[in-house]
Amino acid sequence: MPKPATRLPQVAPPLPEPTPPAPVLTPAPDNGQPFAQQPSQQPATEAAPVRIPRRGKQLGARIPTDLYERLAACAQATRIPQGRLIERALDAELKTHGF
């Protein structure tokens, strides 16, 4: 039987070269304006955004559940939006009082 070969110690593979340190990052120049300009602060030379005209004022009110259910049923049956139905009802009521 042949004599076994002697085992040599394993040599670790060479370590990779260390990566160079990351460059130091500096912030971009802000030109003296640290935050984005608000629409009210835009210079007069820039075109202002087009504003959509609103139809009127918004009114928030609580109404009884049964009245709401009647309103929703009427709106669904007539295909008239609930807000328009409320507007018509308020207009008719205020006209009866002379306003």
N, C-alpha and C. Protein backbone atom coordinates (compact mmCIF):
# COMPACT_ATOMS: atom_id res chain seq x y z
N MET A 1 0.83 -1.14 0.00
CA MET A 1 0.00 0.00 0.00
C MET A 1 0.90 1.23 0.00
N PRO A 2 0.51 2.24 -0.88
CA PRO A 2 1.38 3.40 -0.96
C PRO A 2 1.21 4.31 0.24
N LYS A 3 2.25 5.01 0.52
CA LYS A 3 2.25 5.92 1.65
C LYS A 3 1.37 7.13 1.30
N PRO A 4 0.44 7.55 2.21
CA PRO A 4 -0.42 8.69 1.89
C PRO A 4 0.41 9.96 1.77
N ALA A 5 -0.09 10.83 0.90
CA ALA A 5 0.60 12.09 0.68
C ALA A 5 0.37 12.99 1.89
N THR A 6 1.38 13.73 2.20
CA THR A 6 1.24 14.64 3.33
C THR A 6 0.36 15.82 2.91
N ARG A 7 -0.43 16.22 3.84
CA ARG A 7 -1.34 17.33 3.55
C ARG A 7 -0.68 18.62 3.98
N LEU A 8 -0.65 19.54 3.04
CA LEU A 8 -0.07 20.83 3.34
C LEU A 8 -1.17 21.75 3.86
N PRO A 9 -0.80 22.69 4.70
CA PRO A 9 -1.83 23.61 5.18
C PRO A 9 -2.39 24.43 4.02
N GLN A 10 -3.68 24.65 4.11
CA GLN A 10 -4.35 25.41 3.06
C GLN A 10 -4.00 26.89 3.20
N VAL A 11 -3.74 27.52 2.09
CA VAL A 11 -3.42 28.94 2.09
C VAL A 11 -4.70 29.68 1.71
N ALA A 12 -5.07 30.65 2.54
CA ALA A 12 -6.28 31.42 2.25
C ALA A 12 -6.05 32.26 1.00
N PRO A 13 -7.12 32.45 0.23
CA PRO A 13 -6.94 33.28 -0.96
C PRO A 13 -6.61 34.71 -0.54
N PRO A 14 -5.91 35.43 -1.36
CA PRO A 14 -5.53 36.79 -0.97
C PRO A 14 -6.78 37.66 -0.78
N LEU A 15 -6.71 38.52 0.19
CA LEU A 15 -7.83 39.43 0.46
C LEU A 15 -7.92 40.47 -0.64
N PRO A 16 -9.15 40.81 -1.02
CA PRO A 16 -9.26 41.85 -2.06
C PRO A 16 -8.79 43.19 -1.50
N GLU A 17 -8.37 44.03 -2.40
CA GLU A 17 -7.88 45.33 -1.95
C GLU A 17 -9.03 46.10 -1.32
N PRO A 18 -8.75 46.82 -0.27
CA PRO A 18 -9.84 47.58 0.34
C PRO A 18 -10.34 48.65 -0.63
N THR A 19 -11.66 48.82 -0.60
CA THR A 19 -12.25 49.82 -1.49
C THR A 19 -11.90 51.21 -0.98
N PRO A 20 -11.70 52.13 -1.89
CA PRO A 20 -11.37 53.48 -1.44
C PRO A 20 -12.59 54.09 -0.74
N PRO A 21 -12.36 54.98 0.19
CA PRO A 21 -13.49 55.57 0.90
C PRO A 21 -14.36 56.38 -0.06
N ALA A 22 -15.65 56.40 0.26
CA ALA A 22 -16.59 57.13 -0.59
C ALA A 22 -16.26 58.61 -0.56
N PRO A 23 -16.45 59.30 -1.67
CA PRO A 23 -16.16 60.73 -1.67
C PRO A 23 -17.14 61.46 -0.75
N VAL A 24 -16.69 62.52 -0.19
CA VAL A 24 -17.53 63.30 0.70
C VAL A 24 -18.56 64.04 -0.14
N LEU A 25 -19.82 63.85 0.21
CA LEU A 25 -20.89 64.49 -0.56
C LEU A 25 -21.17 65.87 0.00
N THR A 26 -21.35 66.78 -0.89
CA THR A 26 -21.70 68.13 -0.46
C THR A 26 -23.08 68.45 -1.03
N PRO A 27 -23.89 69.19 -0.30
CA PRO A 27 -25.22 69.48 -0.81
C PRO A 27 -25.16 70.40 -2.02
N ALA A 28 -26.17 70.27 -2.84
CA ALA A 28 -26.24 71.11 -4.03
C ALA A 28 -26.49 72.55 -3.60
N PRO A 29 -26.03 73.51 -4.37
CA PRO A 29 -26.29 74.90 -3.99
C PRO A 29 -27.78 75.19 -4.06
N ASP A 30 -28.26 75.95 -3.09
CA ASP A 30 -29.69 76.25 -3.06
C ASP A 30 -30.00 77.63 -3.61
N ASN A 31 -29.01 78.33 -4.05
CA ASN A 31 -29.19 79.65 -4.62
C ASN A 31 -29.94 80.59 -3.67
N GLY A 32 -29.78 80.37 -2.39
CA GLY A 32 -30.41 81.24 -1.42
C GLY A 32 -31.86 80.93 -1.17
N GLN A 33 -32.39 79.88 -1.78
CA GLN A 33 -33.79 79.51 -1.58
C GLN A 33 -33.82 78.07 -1.05
N PRO A 34 -33.83 77.89 0.28
CA PRO A 34 -33.72 76.54 0.82
C PRO A 34 -34.94 75.67 0.58
N PHE A 35 -36.13 76.25 0.41
CA PHE A 35 -37.34 75.46 0.22
C PHE A 35 -38.00 75.85 -1.09
N ALA A 36 -38.83 74.97 -1.59
CA ALA A 36 -39.56 75.28 -2.82
C ALA A 36 -40.48 76.45 -2.56
N GLN A 37 -40.65 77.27 -3.57
CA GLN A 37 -41.50 78.45 -3.41
C GLN A 37 -42.96 78.04 -3.40
N GLN A 38 -43.72 78.66 -2.52
CA GLN A 38 -45.16 78.45 -2.47
C GLN A 38 -45.79 79.24 -3.61
N PRO A 39 -46.99 78.84 -4.04
CA PRO A 39 -47.63 79.58 -5.14
C PRO A 39 -47.79 81.07 -4.83
N SER A 40 -48.01 81.42 -3.58
CA SER A 40 -48.19 82.83 -3.25
C SER A 40 -46.86 83.59 -3.30
N GLN A 41 -45.72 82.88 -3.30
CA GLN A 41 -44.42 83.52 -3.30
C GLN A 41 -43.75 83.52 -4.66
N GLN A 42 -44.46 83.04 -5.70
CA GLN A 42 -43.85 82.97 -7.02
C GLN A 42 -43.60 84.37 -7.56
N PRO A 43 -42.50 84.52 -8.26
CA PRO A 43 -42.24 85.83 -8.87
C PRO A 43 -43.34 86.17 -9.88
N ALA A 44 -43.52 87.46 -10.12
CA ALA A 44 -44.58 87.93 -11.02
C ALA A 44 -44.32 87.51 -12.46
N THR A 45 -43.09 87.16 -12.80
CA THR A 45 -42.79 86.81 -14.18
C THR A 45 -43.34 85.44 -14.54
N GLU A 46 -43.53 84.57 -13.55
CA GLU A 46 -44.06 83.24 -13.84
C GLU A 46 -45.57 83.32 -13.96
N ALA A 47 -46.13 82.50 -14.82
CA ALA A 47 -47.58 82.47 -14.99
C ALA A 47 -48.21 81.79 -13.79
N ALA A 48 -49.22 82.40 -13.22
CA ALA A 48 -49.92 81.82 -12.08
C ALA A 48 -50.79 80.67 -12.58
N PRO A 49 -50.97 79.63 -11.75
CA PRO A 49 -51.82 78.52 -12.19
C PRO A 49 -53.26 78.98 -12.36
N VAL A 50 -53.94 78.36 -13.28
CA VAL A 50 -55.33 78.73 -13.56
C VAL A 50 -56.20 78.22 -12.42
N ARG A 51 -56.99 79.11 -11.83
CA ARG A 51 -57.87 78.72 -10.75
C ARG A 51 -59.25 78.39 -11.31
N ILE A 52 -59.80 77.31 -10.83
CA ILE A 52 -61.13 76.89 -11.27
C ILE A 52 -62.15 77.65 -10.43
N PRO A 53 -63.05 78.39 -11.06
CA PRO A 53 -64.04 79.12 -10.27
C PRO A 53 -65.00 78.16 -9.59
N ARG A 54 -65.26 78.41 -8.34
CA ARG A 54 -66.19 77.58 -7.58
C ARG A 54 -67.61 78.04 -7.83
N ARG A 55 -68.52 77.11 -7.73
CA ARG A 55 -69.91 77.43 -7.98
C ARG A 55 -70.54 78.21 -6.85
N GLY A 56 -70.08 77.99 -5.65
CA GLY A 56 -70.65 78.69 -4.50
C GLY A 56 -69.95 78.27 -3.23
N LYS A 57 -70.57 78.59 -2.12
CA LYS A 57 -70.02 78.23 -0.80
C LYS A 57 -70.47 76.83 -0.42
N GLN A 58 -69.67 76.21 0.46
CA GLN A 58 -70.01 74.87 0.93
C GLN A 58 -70.68 74.98 2.28
N LEU A 59 -71.72 74.18 2.48
CA LEU A 59 -72.47 74.19 3.73
C LEU A 59 -72.48 72.77 4.27
N GLY A 60 -72.10 72.61 5.52
CA GLY A 60 -72.16 71.30 6.15
C GLY A 60 -73.26 71.32 7.20
N ALA A 61 -74.14 70.36 7.14
CA ALA A 61 -75.25 70.32 8.10
C ALA A 61 -75.63 68.88 8.38
N ARG A 62 -76.12 68.64 9.58
CA ARG A 62 -76.62 67.31 9.93
C ARG A 62 -78.14 67.33 9.77
N ILE A 63 -78.65 66.26 9.19
CA ILE A 63 -80.10 66.15 9.03
C ILE A 63 -80.53 64.81 9.59
N PRO A 64 -81.79 64.68 9.95
CA PRO A 64 -82.27 63.39 10.49
C PRO A 64 -82.12 62.27 9.46
N THR A 65 -81.96 61.06 9.95
CA THR A 65 -81.71 59.91 9.08
C THR A 65 -82.86 59.70 8.10
N ASP A 66 -84.10 59.81 8.56
CA ASP A 66 -85.22 59.57 7.66
C ASP A 66 -85.27 60.61 6.53
N LEU A 67 -84.92 61.87 6.84
CA LEU A 67 -84.88 62.91 5.82
C LEU A 67 -83.77 62.63 4.81
N TYR A 68 -82.64 62.15 5.31
CA TYR A 68 -81.53 61.81 4.41
C TYR A 68 -81.93 60.67 3.48
N GLU A 69 -82.59 59.66 4.03
CA GLU A 69 -83.01 58.52 3.20
C GLU A 69 -83.99 58.96 2.12
N ARG A 70 -84.89 59.88 2.45
CA ARG A 70 -85.82 60.41 1.46
C ARG A 70 -85.07 61.20 0.39
N LEU A 71 -84.08 61.98 0.81
CA LEU A 71 -83.27 62.75 -0.13
C LEU A 71 -82.52 61.82 -1.07
N ALA A 72 -81.89 60.78 -0.53
CA ALA A 72 -81.13 59.84 -1.35
C ALA A 72 -82.04 59.11 -2.33
N ALA A 73 -83.23 58.71 -1.88
CA ALA A 73 -84.17 58.02 -2.76
C ALA A 73 -84.63 58.94 -3.89
N CYS A 74 -84.92 60.20 -3.54
CA CYS A 74 -85.35 61.17 -4.55
C CYS A 74 -84.24 61.41 -5.56
N ALA A 75 -83.01 61.56 -5.08
CA ALA A 75 -81.87 61.81 -5.97
C ALA A 75 -81.66 60.64 -6.92
N GLN A 76 -81.82 59.43 -6.41
CA GLN A 76 -81.63 58.25 -7.27
C GLN A 76 -82.76 58.12 -8.29
N ALA A 77 -83.99 58.40 -7.86
CA ALA A 77 -85.13 58.26 -8.77
C ALA A 77 -85.12 59.33 -9.85
N THR A 78 -84.75 60.56 -9.50
CA THR A 78 -84.80 61.66 -10.46
C THR A 78 -83.48 61.88 -11.18
N ARG A 79 -82.42 61.22 -10.73
CA ARG A 79 -81.08 61.38 -11.29
C ARG A 79 -80.58 62.82 -11.14
N ILE A 80 -81.02 63.50 -10.08
CA ILE A 80 -80.56 64.85 -9.75
C ILE A 80 -79.63 64.72 -8.55
N PRO A 81 -78.44 65.32 -8.58
CA PRO A 81 -77.52 65.20 -7.45
C PRO A 81 -78.16 65.71 -6.15
N GLN A 82 -77.75 65.10 -5.04
CA GLN A 82 -78.30 65.47 -3.74
C GLN A 82 -78.06 66.95 -3.43
N GLY A 83 -76.90 67.45 -3.74
CA GLY A 83 -76.59 68.85 -3.47
C GLY A 83 -77.51 69.79 -4.22
N ARG A 84 -77.83 69.43 -5.46
CA ARG A 84 -78.74 70.28 -6.25
C ARG A 84 -80.14 70.24 -5.67
N LEU A 85 -80.59 69.07 -5.21
CA LEU A 85 -81.91 68.97 -4.58
C LEU A 85 -81.98 69.82 -3.32
N ILE A 86 -80.91 69.79 -2.52
CA ILE A 86 -80.87 70.60 -1.30
C ILE A 86 -80.89 72.07 -1.66
N GLU A 87 -80.13 72.44 -2.69
CA GLU A 87 -80.10 73.84 -3.13
C GLU A 87 -81.50 74.31 -3.54
N ARG A 88 -82.20 73.48 -4.30
CA ARG A 88 -83.55 73.85 -4.73
C ARG A 88 -84.50 73.99 -3.54
N ALA A 89 -84.41 73.05 -2.60
CA ALA A 89 -85.31 73.09 -1.45
C ALA A 89 -85.05 74.32 -0.59
N LEU A 90 -83.79 74.65 -0.35
CA LEU A 90 -83.46 75.83 0.44
C LEU A 90 -83.90 77.11 -0.27
N ASP A 91 -83.72 77.15 -1.58
CA ASP A 91 -84.13 78.33 -2.34
C ASP A 91 -85.64 78.54 -2.24
N ALA A 92 -86.38 77.46 -2.40
CA ALA A 92 -87.85 77.57 -2.31
C ALA A 92 -88.29 78.01 -0.92
N GLU A 93 -87.67 77.46 0.12
CA GLU A 93 -88.03 77.81 1.49
C GLU A 93 -87.67 79.25 1.80
N LEU A 94 -86.52 79.72 1.39
CA LEU A 94 -86.11 81.10 1.65
C LEU A 94 -87.00 82.09 0.88
N LYS A 95 -87.45 81.73 -0.30
CA LYS A 95 -88.34 82.60 -1.06
C LYS A 95 -89.68 82.75 -0.37
N THR A 96 -90.14 81.71 0.32
CA THR A 96 -91.42 81.83 1.05
C THR A 96 -91.29 82.79 2.23
N HIS A 97 -90.08 82.98 2.72
CA HIS A 97 -89.85 83.89 3.83
C HIS A 97 -89.42 85.28 3.36
N GLY A 98 -89.39 85.49 2.05
CA GLY A 98 -89.06 86.79 1.51
C GLY A 98 -87.58 87.08 1.39
N PHE A 99 -86.77 86.06 1.37
CA PHE A 99 -85.31 86.27 1.23
C PHE A 99 -84.83 85.78 -0.11
